[in-house]
Amino acid sequence: MATSYPGSFVTLEGPEGAGKTTQLKLLSKQLDQMGVKHIVTRDPGGTSLGKQIRRILLNPENPVMPMTELLLYQADRAQHVDELIIPALKNGTLVLCDRYVDSTRAYQGYGRGIDLNLINELSKMATGGLTPELTILFDIESSDGLGRLHPGGHDRLEREAIEFHHKVRDGYHQLAKQEPERWVIIDASKPLTVVQEDLRQILFERVGKKHKLAGLIEAS
């Protein structure tokens, strides 16, 4: 189901090293300066419980099985939606979430090969059917994205073979084709300032009127 709250739910997706987390920080700083009511959160790890789940999931020393991985992500999401996201949306807040259900479809579905119908059913249970009104895909070649990461600091998913990351990226493109009205793709290989301008323009066009975001474009 689509979001029907006073606030707006926007998710940012992308393969490893696409730069969406950095872009979110820059965007949030400007929104603060403009006085726009918003929150930046992440999936997994947007709540106190979620932070603990995130540590388990991304620790490279943990041999997490694919189904365990899937269920842990959904457990985090159930807590995240009920504790943080829905209350914020009811309060008229612009919610910017670094990953959401589509990450599970791309990584555990296309990447791991887990049945997408099962993932969709579990996701519906975990989120109550809450769907972003806008999803922005930060797209970059897998090898280029991985090359941006700090050597020695890779988490469990970042350490997967390059073939896995190719499947994830291809999965994202398949998902975007299936729901073109929800997805917008940004070329994340462009310079940081250009990508930030693209992000601001997309937000302005899609939720600008609702959240009075004219200043996003005026400042760029």
N, C-alpha and C. Protein backbone atom coordinates (compact mmCIF):
# COMPACT_ATOMS: atom_id res chain seq x y z
N MET A 1 0.84 -1.19 0.00
CA MET A 1 0.00 0.00 0.00
C MET A 1 0.88 1.24 0.00
N ALA A 2 0.41 2.27 -0.64
CA ALA A 2 1.17 3.52 -0.69
C ALA A 2 1.01 4.28 0.62
N THR A 3 1.97 5.14 0.88
CA THR A 3 1.92 5.94 2.09
C THR A 3 0.74 6.90 2.04
N SER A 4 0.00 7.00 3.13
CA SER A 4 -1.15 7.92 3.18
C SER A 4 -1.10 8.74 4.46
N TYR A 5 0.09 9.15 4.85
CA TYR A 5 0.30 9.92 6.06
C TYR A 5 0.64 11.38 5.71
N PRO A 6 0.57 12.27 6.68
CA PRO A 6 0.96 13.67 6.42
C PRO A 6 2.41 13.80 5.99
N GLY A 7 3.27 12.91 6.48
CA GLY A 7 4.67 12.95 6.10
C GLY A 7 4.93 12.21 4.81
N SER A 8 6.19 12.19 4.38
CA SER A 8 6.59 11.49 3.15
C SER A 8 7.68 10.48 3.48
N PHE A 9 7.59 9.32 2.84
CA PHE A 9 8.54 8.25 3.07
C PHE A 9 9.38 8.05 1.81
N VAL A 10 10.66 8.39 1.91
CA VAL A 10 11.58 8.31 0.77
C VAL A 10 12.73 7.37 1.15
N THR A 11 13.02 6.42 0.27
CA THR A 11 14.12 5.49 0.53
C THR A 11 15.23 5.67 -0.49
N LEU A 12 16.45 5.43 -0.04
CA LEU A 12 17.62 5.50 -0.92
C LEU A 12 18.22 4.11 -0.98
N GLU A 13 18.45 3.63 -2.20
CA GLU A 13 18.97 2.29 -2.42
C GLU A 13 20.21 2.34 -3.29
N GLY A 14 20.94 1.24 -3.31
CA GLY A 14 22.09 1.17 -4.18
C GLY A 14 23.07 0.10 -3.75
N PRO A 15 23.95 -0.31 -4.65
CA PRO A 15 24.97 -1.29 -4.33
C PRO A 15 26.04 -0.69 -3.43
N GLU A 16 26.96 -1.51 -2.99
CA GLU A 16 28.03 -1.06 -2.09
C GLU A 16 28.86 0.04 -2.75
N GLY A 17 29.20 1.06 -1.97
CA GLY A 17 30.07 2.12 -2.45
C GLY A 17 29.39 3.14 -3.35
N ALA A 18 28.06 3.13 -3.40
CA ALA A 18 27.35 4.08 -4.28
C ALA A 18 27.34 5.50 -3.73
N GLY A 19 27.59 5.66 -2.42
CA GLY A 19 27.71 6.99 -1.84
C GLY A 19 26.43 7.57 -1.29
N LYS A 20 25.38 6.77 -1.19
CA LYS A 20 24.09 7.31 -0.73
C LYS A 20 24.14 7.80 0.71
N THR A 21 24.91 7.13 1.57
CA THR A 21 24.99 7.55 2.97
C THR A 21 25.62 8.94 3.08
N THR A 22 26.67 9.17 2.33
CA THR A 22 27.31 10.49 2.30
C THR A 22 26.36 11.54 1.76
N GLN A 23 25.64 11.20 0.72
CA GLN A 23 24.69 12.14 0.13
C GLN A 23 23.57 12.49 1.11
N LEU A 24 23.13 11.51 1.88
CA LEU A 24 22.09 11.76 2.88
C LEU A 24 22.56 12.74 3.94
N LYS A 25 23.79 12.60 4.37
CA LYS A 25 24.33 13.51 5.39
C LYS A 25 24.37 14.94 4.87
N LEU A 26 24.80 15.12 3.63
CA LEU A 26 24.86 16.45 3.04
C LEU A 26 23.45 17.04 2.89
N LEU A 27 22.53 16.21 2.45
CA LEU A 27 21.15 16.65 2.28
C LEU A 27 20.53 17.04 3.62
N SER A 28 20.73 16.22 4.63
CA SER A 28 20.16 16.48 5.95
C SER A 28 20.67 17.79 6.52
N LYS A 29 21.95 18.09 6.30
CA LYS A 29 22.52 19.34 6.80
C LYS A 29 21.80 20.53 6.18
N GLN A 30 21.50 20.46 4.89
CA GLN A 30 20.80 21.56 4.24
C GLN A 30 19.36 21.66 4.72
N LEU A 31 18.71 20.51 4.89
CA LEU A 31 17.33 20.52 5.38
C LEU A 31 17.26 21.12 6.78
N ASP A 32 18.27 20.85 7.61
CA ASP A 32 18.34 21.47 8.94
C ASP A 32 18.42 22.99 8.82
N GLN A 33 19.25 23.46 7.92
CA GLN A 33 19.42 24.90 7.72
C GLN A 33 18.12 25.55 7.23
N MET A 34 17.33 24.78 6.49
CA MET A 34 16.07 25.30 5.96
C MET A 34 14.92 25.16 6.96
N GLY A 35 15.16 24.43 8.05
CA GLY A 35 14.12 24.22 9.04
C GLY A 35 13.07 23.21 8.62
N VAL A 36 13.44 22.30 7.72
CA VAL A 36 12.50 21.27 7.25
C VAL A 36 12.46 20.12 8.24
N LYS A 37 11.26 19.78 8.67
CA LYS A 37 11.10 18.67 9.63
C LYS A 37 11.37 17.35 8.92
N HIS A 38 12.45 16.68 9.32
CA HIS A 38 12.83 15.44 8.68
C HIS A 38 13.64 14.57 9.62
N ILE A 39 13.73 13.31 9.29
CA ILE A 39 14.65 12.41 9.99
C ILE A 39 15.41 11.59 8.95
N VAL A 40 16.64 11.26 9.29
CA VAL A 40 17.44 10.34 8.48
C VAL A 40 17.62 9.08 9.30
N THR A 41 17.26 7.95 8.74
CA THR A 41 17.38 6.69 9.44
C THR A 41 17.96 5.65 8.50
N ARG A 42 18.20 4.45 9.01
CA ARG A 42 18.79 3.43 8.16
C ARG A 42 18.21 2.05 8.47
N ASP A 43 18.33 1.17 7.48
CA ASP A 43 17.79 -0.18 7.55
C ASP A 43 18.89 -1.13 7.09
N PRO A 44 19.41 -1.95 8.02
CA PRO A 44 19.03 -2.11 9.42
C PRO A 44 19.73 -1.08 10.32
N GLY A 45 19.24 -0.96 11.55
CA GLY A 45 19.92 -0.16 12.55
C GLY A 45 19.28 1.16 12.91
N GLY A 46 18.02 1.36 12.56
CA GLY A 46 17.37 2.63 12.83
C GLY A 46 16.83 2.78 14.24
N THR A 47 16.86 1.71 15.02
CA THR A 47 16.39 1.75 16.41
C THR A 47 17.47 1.16 17.31
N SER A 48 17.27 1.25 18.62
CA SER A 48 18.23 0.68 19.55
C SER A 48 18.37 -0.83 19.35
N LEU A 49 17.23 -1.50 19.21
CA LEU A 49 17.26 -2.94 18.93
C LEU A 49 17.88 -3.21 17.57
N GLY A 50 17.54 -2.37 16.61
CA GLY A 50 18.07 -2.54 15.27
C GLY A 50 19.58 -2.43 15.20
N LYS A 51 20.16 -1.57 16.02
CA LYS A 51 21.63 -1.44 16.04
C LYS A 51 22.28 -2.75 16.43
N GLN A 52 21.67 -3.47 17.36
CA GLN A 52 22.21 -4.76 17.78
C GLN A 52 22.08 -5.79 16.65
N ILE A 53 20.94 -5.77 15.96
CA ILE A 53 20.75 -6.68 14.83
C ILE A 53 21.74 -6.36 13.72
N ARG A 54 21.98 -5.08 13.49
CA ARG A 54 22.93 -4.66 12.44
C ARG A 54 24.33 -5.21 12.73
N ARG A 55 24.74 -5.12 13.98
CA ARG A 55 26.07 -5.63 14.34
C ARG A 55 26.19 -7.12 14.05
N ILE A 56 25.13 -7.86 14.33
CA ILE A 56 25.14 -9.30 14.07
C ILE A 56 25.22 -9.56 12.56
N LEU A 57 24.41 -8.84 11.80
CA LEU A 57 24.32 -9.07 10.36
C LEU A 57 25.60 -8.73 9.61
N LEU A 58 26.26 -7.65 9.99
CA LEU A 58 27.39 -7.16 9.20
C LEU A 58 28.76 -7.59 9.72
N ASN A 59 28.80 -8.24 10.88
CA ASN A 59 30.07 -8.71 11.42
C ASN A 59 30.63 -9.83 10.54
N PRO A 60 31.79 -9.62 9.92
CA PRO A 60 32.34 -10.64 9.02
C PRO A 60 32.72 -11.95 9.73
N GLU A 61 32.77 -11.94 11.04
CA GLU A 61 33.10 -13.16 11.77
C GLU A 61 31.89 -14.04 12.02
N ASN A 62 30.69 -13.52 11.71
CA ASN A 62 29.47 -14.30 11.92
C ASN A 62 29.10 -15.08 10.66
N PRO A 63 29.04 -16.41 10.74
CA PRO A 63 28.63 -17.22 9.58
C PRO A 63 27.10 -17.27 9.48
N VAL A 64 26.50 -16.20 9.00
CA VAL A 64 25.04 -16.09 8.96
C VAL A 64 24.49 -16.82 7.73
N MET A 65 23.58 -17.76 7.94
CA MET A 65 22.96 -18.49 6.85
C MET A 65 21.95 -17.59 6.11
N PRO A 66 21.71 -17.84 4.82
CA PRO A 66 20.82 -16.98 4.03
C PRO A 66 19.43 -16.77 4.65
N MET A 67 18.79 -17.82 5.14
CA MET A 67 17.46 -17.65 5.70
C MET A 67 17.52 -16.89 7.03
N THR A 68 18.55 -17.15 7.82
CA THR A 68 18.75 -16.40 9.06
C THR A 68 18.92 -14.92 8.74
N GLU A 69 19.72 -14.64 7.74
CA GLU A 69 19.97 -13.27 7.29
C GLU A 69 18.66 -12.58 6.92
N LEU A 70 17.85 -13.27 6.12
CA LEU A 70 16.57 -12.72 5.69
C LEU A 70 15.67 -12.39 6.87
N LEU A 71 15.57 -13.32 7.82
CA LEU A 71 14.67 -13.13 8.95
C LEU A 71 15.17 -12.04 9.90
N LEU A 72 16.47 -11.91 10.04
CA LEU A 72 17.01 -10.85 10.89
C LEU A 72 16.71 -9.46 10.29
N TYR A 73 16.85 -9.35 8.98
CA TYR A 73 16.50 -8.08 8.34
C TYR A 73 15.03 -7.74 8.54
N GLN A 74 14.18 -8.75 8.45
CA GLN A 74 12.75 -8.50 8.62
C GLN A 74 12.41 -8.16 10.07
N ALA A 75 13.11 -8.78 11.01
CA ALA A 75 12.89 -8.46 12.43
C ALA A 75 13.27 -7.00 12.70
N ASP A 76 14.40 -6.59 12.17
CA ASP A 76 14.81 -5.19 12.31
C ASP A 76 13.75 -4.26 11.72
N ARG A 77 13.24 -4.64 10.57
CA ARG A 77 12.29 -3.79 9.85
C ARG A 77 10.97 -3.65 10.60
N ALA A 78 10.51 -4.74 11.19
CA ALA A 78 9.26 -4.69 11.96
C ALA A 78 9.37 -3.69 13.10
N GLN A 79 10.50 -3.73 13.80
CA GLN A 79 10.74 -2.81 14.91
C GLN A 79 10.86 -1.37 14.40
N HIS A 80 11.59 -1.21 13.33
CA HIS A 80 11.89 0.10 12.74
C HIS A 80 10.61 0.82 12.30
N VAL A 81 9.76 0.11 11.58
CA VAL A 81 8.53 0.71 11.06
C VAL A 81 7.60 1.14 12.19
N ASP A 82 7.39 0.24 13.15
CA ASP A 82 6.45 0.55 14.24
C ASP A 82 6.98 1.59 15.22
N GLU A 83 8.27 1.49 15.53
CA GLU A 83 8.84 2.37 16.56
C GLU A 83 9.17 3.76 16.03
N LEU A 84 9.65 3.83 14.80
CA LEU A 84 10.19 5.11 14.31
C LEU A 84 9.49 5.67 13.08
N ILE A 85 9.38 4.86 12.04
CA ILE A 85 8.94 5.41 10.75
C ILE A 85 7.49 5.87 10.75
N ILE A 86 6.57 5.00 11.15
CA ILE A 86 5.16 5.38 11.12
C ILE A 86 4.85 6.55 12.06
N PRO A 87 5.36 6.56 13.30
CA PRO A 87 5.12 7.74 14.15
C PRO A 87 5.61 9.04 13.50
N ALA A 88 6.75 8.98 12.83
CA ALA A 88 7.28 10.17 12.17
C ALA A 88 6.38 10.60 11.01
N LEU A 89 5.91 9.65 10.23
CA LEU A 89 5.03 9.97 9.11
C LEU A 89 3.71 10.56 9.59
N LYS A 90 3.19 10.03 10.68
CA LYS A 90 1.95 10.56 11.25
C LYS A 90 2.14 12.00 11.73
N ASN A 91 3.37 12.34 12.06
CA ASN A 91 3.69 13.67 12.57
C ASN A 91 4.05 14.66 11.46
N GLY A 92 3.88 14.23 10.21
CA GLY A 92 4.16 15.12 9.09
C GLY A 92 5.62 15.25 8.72
N THR A 93 6.43 14.32 9.15
CA THR A 93 7.88 14.38 8.93
C THR A 93 8.28 13.77 7.60
N LEU A 94 9.29 14.35 6.98
CA LEU A 94 9.91 13.76 5.79
C LEU A 94 10.90 12.71 6.30
N VAL A 95 10.63 11.45 5.99
CA VAL A 95 11.48 10.34 6.44
C VAL A 95 12.38 9.92 5.30
N LEU A 96 13.69 10.02 5.51
CA LEU A 96 14.69 9.62 4.52
C LEU A 96 15.40 8.39 5.07
N CYS A 97 15.18 7.26 4.41
CA CYS A 97 15.69 5.99 4.94
C CYS A 97 16.76 5.39 4.03
N ASP A 98 17.92 5.14 4.59
CA ASP A 98 19.06 4.53 3.90
C ASP A 98 18.83 3.02 3.87
N ARG A 99 18.25 2.54 2.77
CA ARG A 99 17.85 1.15 2.51
C ARG A 99 16.52 0.84 3.17
N TYR A 100 15.83 -0.14 2.55
CA TYR A 100 14.54 -0.60 3.07
C TYR A 100 14.25 -1.95 2.42
N VAL A 101 13.02 -2.28 2.19
CA VAL A 101 12.63 -3.59 1.68
C VAL A 101 13.32 -3.94 0.36
N ASP A 102 13.53 -2.94 -0.50
CA ASP A 102 14.14 -3.23 -1.79
C ASP A 102 15.56 -3.76 -1.67
N SER A 103 16.25 -3.39 -0.60
CA SER A 103 17.58 -3.96 -0.38
C SER A 103 17.49 -5.46 -0.16
N THR A 104 16.48 -5.89 0.57
CA THR A 104 16.30 -7.32 0.80
C THR A 104 15.96 -8.04 -0.50
N ARG A 105 15.12 -7.41 -1.31
CA ARG A 105 14.80 -8.01 -2.61
C ARG A 105 16.06 -8.15 -3.46
N ALA A 106 16.90 -7.10 -3.46
CA ALA A 106 18.11 -7.11 -4.30
C ALA A 106 19.18 -8.05 -3.76
N TYR A 107 19.45 -7.96 -2.45
CA TYR A 107 20.55 -8.73 -1.86
C TYR A 107 20.17 -10.18 -1.57
N GLN A 108 19.06 -10.37 -0.86
CA GLN A 108 18.68 -11.74 -0.50
C GLN A 108 17.91 -12.44 -1.62
N GLY A 109 17.17 -11.66 -2.41
CA GLY A 109 16.43 -12.24 -3.52
C GLY A 109 17.32 -12.49 -4.73
N TYR A 110 17.72 -11.43 -5.40
CA TYR A 110 18.54 -11.58 -6.59
C TYR A 110 19.96 -12.04 -6.27
N GLY A 111 20.52 -11.57 -5.16
CA GLY A 111 21.88 -11.94 -4.81
C GLY A 111 22.01 -13.35 -4.27
N ARG A 112 21.18 -13.69 -3.27
CA ARG A 112 21.25 -15.01 -2.64
C ARG A 112 20.40 -16.06 -3.35
N GLY A 113 19.42 -15.61 -4.11
CA GLY A 113 18.56 -16.56 -4.80
C GLY A 113 17.37 -17.03 -3.98
N ILE A 114 17.04 -16.35 -2.88
CA ILE A 114 15.86 -16.70 -2.09
C ILE A 114 14.61 -16.27 -2.85
N ASP A 115 13.58 -17.08 -2.78
CA ASP A 115 12.34 -16.83 -3.51
C ASP A 115 11.78 -15.44 -3.23
N LEU A 116 11.55 -14.67 -4.29
CA LEU A 116 11.07 -13.30 -4.13
C LEU A 116 9.64 -13.24 -3.58
N ASN A 117 8.84 -14.22 -3.89
CA ASN A 117 7.48 -14.25 -3.34
C ASN A 117 7.52 -14.39 -1.83
N LEU A 118 8.42 -15.24 -1.34
CA LEU A 118 8.59 -15.40 0.11
C LEU A 118 9.06 -14.08 0.73
N ILE A 119 10.04 -13.45 0.11
CA ILE A 119 10.56 -12.18 0.62
C ILE A 119 9.45 -11.14 0.67
N ASN A 120 8.64 -11.09 -0.36
CA ASN A 120 7.56 -10.09 -0.40
C ASN A 120 6.52 -10.35 0.68
N GLU A 121 6.21 -11.62 0.93
CA GLU A 121 5.23 -11.94 1.97
C GLU A 121 5.77 -11.58 3.36
N LEU A 122 7.02 -11.93 3.61
CA LEU A 122 7.63 -11.60 4.90
C LEU A 122 7.75 -10.08 5.08
N SER A 123 8.07 -9.39 3.99
CA SER A 123 8.20 -7.94 4.05
C SER A 123 6.86 -7.29 4.37
N LYS A 124 5.80 -7.81 3.78
CA LYS A 124 4.46 -7.28 4.04
C LYS A 124 4.09 -7.47 5.51
N MET A 125 4.45 -8.63 6.06
CA MET A 125 4.19 -8.90 7.47
C MET A 125 4.98 -7.95 8.36
N ALA A 126 6.25 -7.75 8.03
CA ALA A 126 7.13 -6.94 8.87
C ALA A 126 6.78 -5.46 8.84
N THR A 127 6.32 -4.97 7.70
CA THR A 127 6.10 -3.53 7.52
C THR A 127 4.63 -3.14 7.54
N GLY A 128 3.73 -4.12 7.56
CA GLY A 128 2.32 -3.81 7.45
C GLY A 128 1.96 -3.30 6.06
N GLY A 129 2.85 -3.55 5.10
CA GLY A 129 2.61 -3.10 3.73
C GLY A 129 3.07 -1.68 3.45
N LEU A 130 3.79 -1.06 4.40
CA LEU A 130 4.25 0.31 4.20
C LEU A 130 5.24 0.38 3.03
N THR A 131 4.89 1.16 2.01
CA THR A 131 5.71 1.29 0.81
C THR A 131 6.17 2.72 0.63
N PRO A 132 7.43 2.94 0.27
CA PRO A 132 7.89 4.32 0.02
C PRO A 132 7.13 4.95 -1.14
N GLU A 133 6.92 6.25 -1.08
CA GLU A 133 6.31 6.92 -2.22
C GLU A 133 7.37 7.28 -3.26
N LEU A 134 8.62 7.24 -2.85
CA LEU A 134 9.73 7.51 -3.76
C LEU A 134 10.94 6.69 -3.33
N THR A 135 11.56 6.02 -4.30
CA THR A 135 12.79 5.28 -4.05
C THR A 135 13.84 5.75 -5.05
N ILE A 136 14.97 6.20 -4.54
CA ILE A 136 16.05 6.72 -5.38
C ILE A 136 17.19 5.70 -5.40
N LEU A 137 17.51 5.23 -6.59
CA LEU A 137 18.57 4.25 -6.76
C LEU A 137 19.87 4.95 -7.15
N PHE A 138 20.88 4.84 -6.30
CA PHE A 138 22.21 5.36 -6.60
C PHE A 138 22.96 4.24 -7.32
N ASP A 139 23.09 4.39 -8.62
CA ASP A 139 23.61 3.31 -9.45
C ASP A 139 25.08 3.52 -9.79
N ILE A 140 25.85 2.43 -9.66
CA ILE A 140 27.27 2.47 -9.99
C ILE A 140 27.73 1.06 -10.33
N GLU A 141 28.69 0.95 -11.23
CA GLU A 141 29.26 -0.35 -11.55
C GLU A 141 29.79 -1.00 -10.27
N SER A 142 29.57 -2.30 -10.14
CA SER A 142 29.94 -2.99 -8.90
C SER A 142 31.42 -2.82 -8.56
N SER A 143 32.29 -3.00 -9.53
CA SER A 143 33.73 -2.91 -9.25
C SER A 143 34.11 -1.49 -8.85
N ASP A 144 33.48 -0.50 -9.46
CA ASP A 144 33.77 0.89 -9.11
C ASP A 144 33.31 1.21 -7.70
N GLY A 145 32.12 0.75 -7.35
CA GLY A 145 31.60 0.98 -6.00
C GLY A 145 32.46 0.33 -4.94
N LEU A 146 32.82 -0.92 -5.16
CA LEU A 146 33.66 -1.63 -4.19
C LEU A 146 35.04 -0.98 -4.08
N GLY A 147 35.50 -0.41 -5.17
CA GLY A 147 36.80 0.25 -5.16
C GLY A 147 36.83 1.52 -4.32
N ARG A 148 35.66 2.06 -4.00
CA ARG A 148 35.58 3.25 -3.16
C ARG A 148 35.70 2.93 -1.67
N LEU A 149 35.51 1.67 -1.32
CA LEU A 149 35.48 1.30 0.09
C LEU A 149 36.89 1.29 0.68
N HIS A 150 36.95 1.54 1.99
CA HIS A 150 38.25 1.56 2.67
C HIS A 150 38.80 0.15 2.80
N PRO A 151 40.05 -0.06 2.37
CA PRO A 151 40.67 -1.39 2.50
C PRO A 151 40.69 -1.84 3.97
N GLY A 152 40.34 -3.10 4.18
CA GLY A 152 40.40 -3.65 5.54
C GLY A 152 39.19 -3.34 6.39
N GLY A 153 38.30 -2.50 5.90
CA GLY A 153 37.14 -2.12 6.70
C GLY A 153 35.85 -2.70 6.19
N HIS A 154 35.92 -3.70 5.33
CA HIS A 154 34.74 -4.25 4.69
C HIS A 154 33.92 -5.10 5.66
N ASP A 155 32.60 -4.92 5.58
CA ASP A 155 31.72 -5.75 6.42
C ASP A 155 31.43 -7.06 5.70
N ARG A 156 30.57 -7.87 6.29
CA ARG A 156 30.33 -9.22 5.78
C ARG A 156 29.78 -9.21 4.36
N LEU A 157 28.88 -8.30 4.05
CA LEU A 157 28.30 -8.25 2.70
C LEU A 157 29.27 -7.65 1.69
N GLU A 158 30.01 -6.65 2.12
CA GLU A 158 30.99 -6.05 1.21
C GLU A 158 32.05 -7.04 0.78
N ARG A 159 32.30 -8.06 1.59
CA ARG A 159 33.33 -9.06 1.29
C ARG A 159 32.85 -10.17 0.37
N GLU A 160 31.59 -10.13 -0.03
CA GLU A 160 31.09 -11.15 -0.95
C GLU A 160 31.81 -11.05 -2.30
N ALA A 161 31.81 -12.15 -3.05
CA ALA A 161 32.46 -12.20 -4.37
C ALA A 161 31.81 -11.18 -5.31
N ILE A 162 32.56 -10.74 -6.30
CA ILE A 162 32.08 -9.73 -7.23
C ILE A 162 30.84 -10.21 -7.97
N GLU A 163 30.72 -11.52 -8.20
CA GLU A 163 29.54 -12.05 -8.89
C GLU A 163 28.27 -11.76 -8.10
N PHE A 164 28.36 -11.85 -6.79
CA PHE A 164 27.22 -11.54 -5.93
C PHE A 164 26.81 -10.08 -6.12
N HIS A 165 27.76 -9.20 -6.14
CA HIS A 165 27.47 -7.77 -6.28
C HIS A 165 26.89 -7.45 -7.66
N HIS A 166 27.33 -8.16 -8.69
CA HIS A 166 26.74 -7.98 -10.01
C HIS A 166 25.26 -8.37 -9.98
N LYS A 167 24.94 -9.47 -9.32
CA LYS A 167 23.55 -9.93 -9.22
C LYS A 167 22.70 -8.90 -8.47
N VAL A 168 23.27 -8.33 -7.42
CA VAL A 168 22.55 -7.31 -6.64
C VAL A 168 22.23 -6.10 -7.52
N ARG A 169 23.21 -5.62 -8.23
CA ARG A 169 22.99 -4.44 -9.09
C ARG A 169 21.96 -4.74 -10.17
N ASP A 170 22.07 -5.92 -10.79
CA ASP A 170 21.10 -6.30 -11.81
C ASP A 170 19.69 -6.38 -11.19
N GLY A 171 19.63 -6.88 -9.96
CA GLY A 171 18.36 -6.97 -9.27
C GLY A 171 17.72 -5.61 -9.07
N TYR A 172 18.53 -4.64 -8.69
CA TYR A 172 18.02 -3.28 -8.52
C TYR A 172 17.40 -2.76 -9.83
N HIS A 173 18.06 -3.03 -10.93
CA HIS A 173 17.54 -2.55 -12.21
C HIS A 173 16.23 -3.24 -12.56
N GLN A 174 16.12 -4.52 -12.22
CA GLN A 174 14.87 -5.23 -12.46
C GLN A 174 13.74 -4.64 -11.62
N LEU A 175 14.03 -4.35 -10.37
CA LEU A 175 13.03 -3.77 -9.48
C LEU A 175 12.57 -2.40 -9.98
N ALA A 176 13.52 -1.60 -10.45
CA ALA A 176 13.18 -0.27 -10.95
C ALA A 176 12.29 -0.35 -12.19
N LYS A 177 12.54 -1.34 -13.04
CA LYS A 177 11.73 -1.51 -14.25
C LYS A 177 10.30 -1.92 -13.89
N GLN A 178 10.16 -2.67 -12.81
CA GLN A 178 8.83 -3.16 -12.42
C GLN A 178 7.95 -2.06 -11.85
N GLU A 179 8.54 -1.04 -11.24
CA GLU A 179 7.77 0.06 -10.64
C GLU A 179 8.37 1.41 -11.03
N PRO A 180 8.33 1.75 -12.30
CA PRO A 180 8.98 2.99 -12.76
C PRO A 180 8.38 4.26 -12.14
N GLU A 181 7.14 4.18 -11.68
CA GLU A 181 6.52 5.36 -11.08
C GLU A 181 7.09 5.65 -9.70
N ARG A 182 7.65 4.66 -9.06
CA ARG A 182 8.22 4.85 -7.71
C ARG A 182 9.72 5.09 -7.74
N TRP A 183 10.41 4.52 -8.69
CA TRP A 183 11.87 4.57 -8.73
C TRP A 183 12.40 5.70 -9.60
N VAL A 184 13.49 6.32 -9.15
CA VAL A 184 14.27 7.25 -9.96
C VAL A 184 15.74 6.83 -9.82
N ILE A 185 16.45 6.76 -10.93
CA ILE A 185 17.84 6.31 -10.91
C ILE A 185 18.78 7.50 -11.07
N ILE A 186 19.78 7.55 -10.19
CA ILE A 186 20.84 8.56 -10.25
C ILE A 186 22.15 7.88 -10.63
N ASP A 187 22.90 8.49 -11.52
CA ASP A 187 24.22 7.98 -11.87
C ASP A 187 25.19 8.38 -10.76
N ALA A 188 25.48 7.43 -9.87
CA ALA A 188 26.31 7.72 -8.69
C ALA A 188 27.80 7.78 -9.00
N SER A 189 28.17 7.53 -10.26
CA SER A 189 29.59 7.63 -10.63
C SER A 189 29.99 9.07 -10.91
N LYS A 190 29.01 9.96 -10.99
CA LYS A 190 29.29 11.38 -11.23
C LYS A 190 29.96 12.00 -10.00
N PRO A 191 30.55 13.19 -10.14
CA PRO A 191 31.15 13.88 -8.99
C PRO A 191 30.12 14.09 -7.88
N LEU A 192 30.59 14.13 -6.64
CA LEU A 192 29.72 14.23 -5.47
C LEU A 192 28.76 15.40 -5.57
N THR A 193 29.25 16.56 -6.00
CA THR A 193 28.38 17.75 -6.05
C THR A 193 27.28 17.60 -7.10
N VAL A 194 27.59 16.94 -8.19
CA VAL A 194 26.59 16.72 -9.24
C VAL A 194 25.51 15.76 -8.75
N VAL A 195 25.93 14.70 -8.08
CA VAL A 195 24.97 13.73 -7.54
C VAL A 195 24.08 14.42 -6.51
N GLN A 196 24.65 15.30 -5.68
CA GLN A 196 23.86 16.00 -4.68
C GLN A 196 22.81 16.90 -5.36
N GLU A 197 23.19 17.56 -6.44
CA GLU A 197 22.24 18.39 -7.18
C GLU A 197 21.11 17.54 -7.76
N ASP A 198 21.47 16.37 -8.29
CA ASP A 198 20.45 15.46 -8.84
C ASP A 198 19.48 15.03 -7.74
N LEU A 199 20.02 14.70 -6.57
CA LEU A 199 19.19 14.27 -5.44
C LEU A 199 18.24 15.39 -5.02
N ARG A 200 18.74 16.60 -4.91
CA ARG A 200 17.90 17.74 -4.51
C ARG A 200 16.78 17.96 -5.53
N GLN A 201 17.12 17.88 -6.80
CA GLN A 201 16.13 18.12 -7.84
C GLN A 201 15.01 17.08 -7.80
N ILE A 202 15.37 15.82 -7.58
CA ILE A 202 14.37 14.75 -7.52
C ILE A 202 13.44 14.96 -6.33
N LEU A 203 14.01 15.27 -5.18
CA LEU A 203 13.18 15.51 -3.99
C LEU A 203 12.25 16.70 -4.20
N PHE A 204 12.79 17.75 -4.78
CA PHE A 204 11.99 18.95 -5.04
C PHE A 204 10.80 18.62 -5.94
N GLU A 205 11.05 17.85 -6.99
CA GLU A 205 10.00 17.52 -7.95
C GLU A 205 8.94 16.60 -7.35
N ARG A 206 9.35 15.67 -6.48
CA ARG A 206 8.43 14.65 -6.01
C ARG A 206 7.73 14.99 -4.69
N VAL A 207 8.43 15.63 -3.76
CA VAL A 207 7.80 15.95 -2.47
C VAL A 207 8.03 17.40 -2.06
N GLY A 208 8.51 18.22 -2.98
CA GLY A 208 8.87 19.59 -2.67
C GLY A 208 7.72 20.45 -2.18
N LYS A 209 6.57 20.34 -2.85
CA LYS A 209 5.42 21.15 -2.47
C LYS A 209 4.93 20.78 -1.08
N LYS A 210 4.90 19.51 -0.80
CA LYS A 210 4.38 19.01 0.47
C LYS A 210 5.23 19.46 1.65
N HIS A 211 6.55 19.54 1.44
CA HIS A 211 7.47 19.87 2.53
C HIS A 211 8.19 21.20 2.35
N LYS A 212 7.72 22.01 1.40
CA LYS A 212 8.25 23.36 1.19
C LYS A 212 9.77 23.32 0.97
N LEU A 213 10.18 22.63 -0.09
CA LEU A 213 11.59 22.39 -0.36
C LEU A 213 12.17 23.29 -1.45
N ALA A 214 11.54 24.40 -1.72
CA ALA A 214 12.03 25.29 -2.78
C ALA A 214 13.49 25.68 -2.54
N GLY A 215 13.87 25.82 -1.28
CA GLY A 215 15.24 26.21 -0.96
C GLY A 215 16.29 25.22 -1.40
N LEU A 216 15.89 23.98 -1.62
CA LEU A 216 16.84 22.97 -2.10
C LEU A 216 17.40 23.36 -3.46
N ILE A 217 16.55 23.87 -4.31
CA ILE A 217 16.97 24.22 -5.67
C ILE A 217 17.62 25.60 -5.68
N GLU A 218 17.10 26.52 -4.89
CA GLU A 218 17.66 27.86 -4.84
C GLU A 218 19.10 27.85 -4.37
N ALA A 219 19.43 26.86 -3.48
CA ALA A 219 20.78 26.81 -2.91
C ALA A 219 21.77 26.07 -3.78
N SER A 220 21.27 25.34 -4.78
CA SER A 220 22.17 24.52 -5.58
C SER A 220 22.78 25.31 -6.74
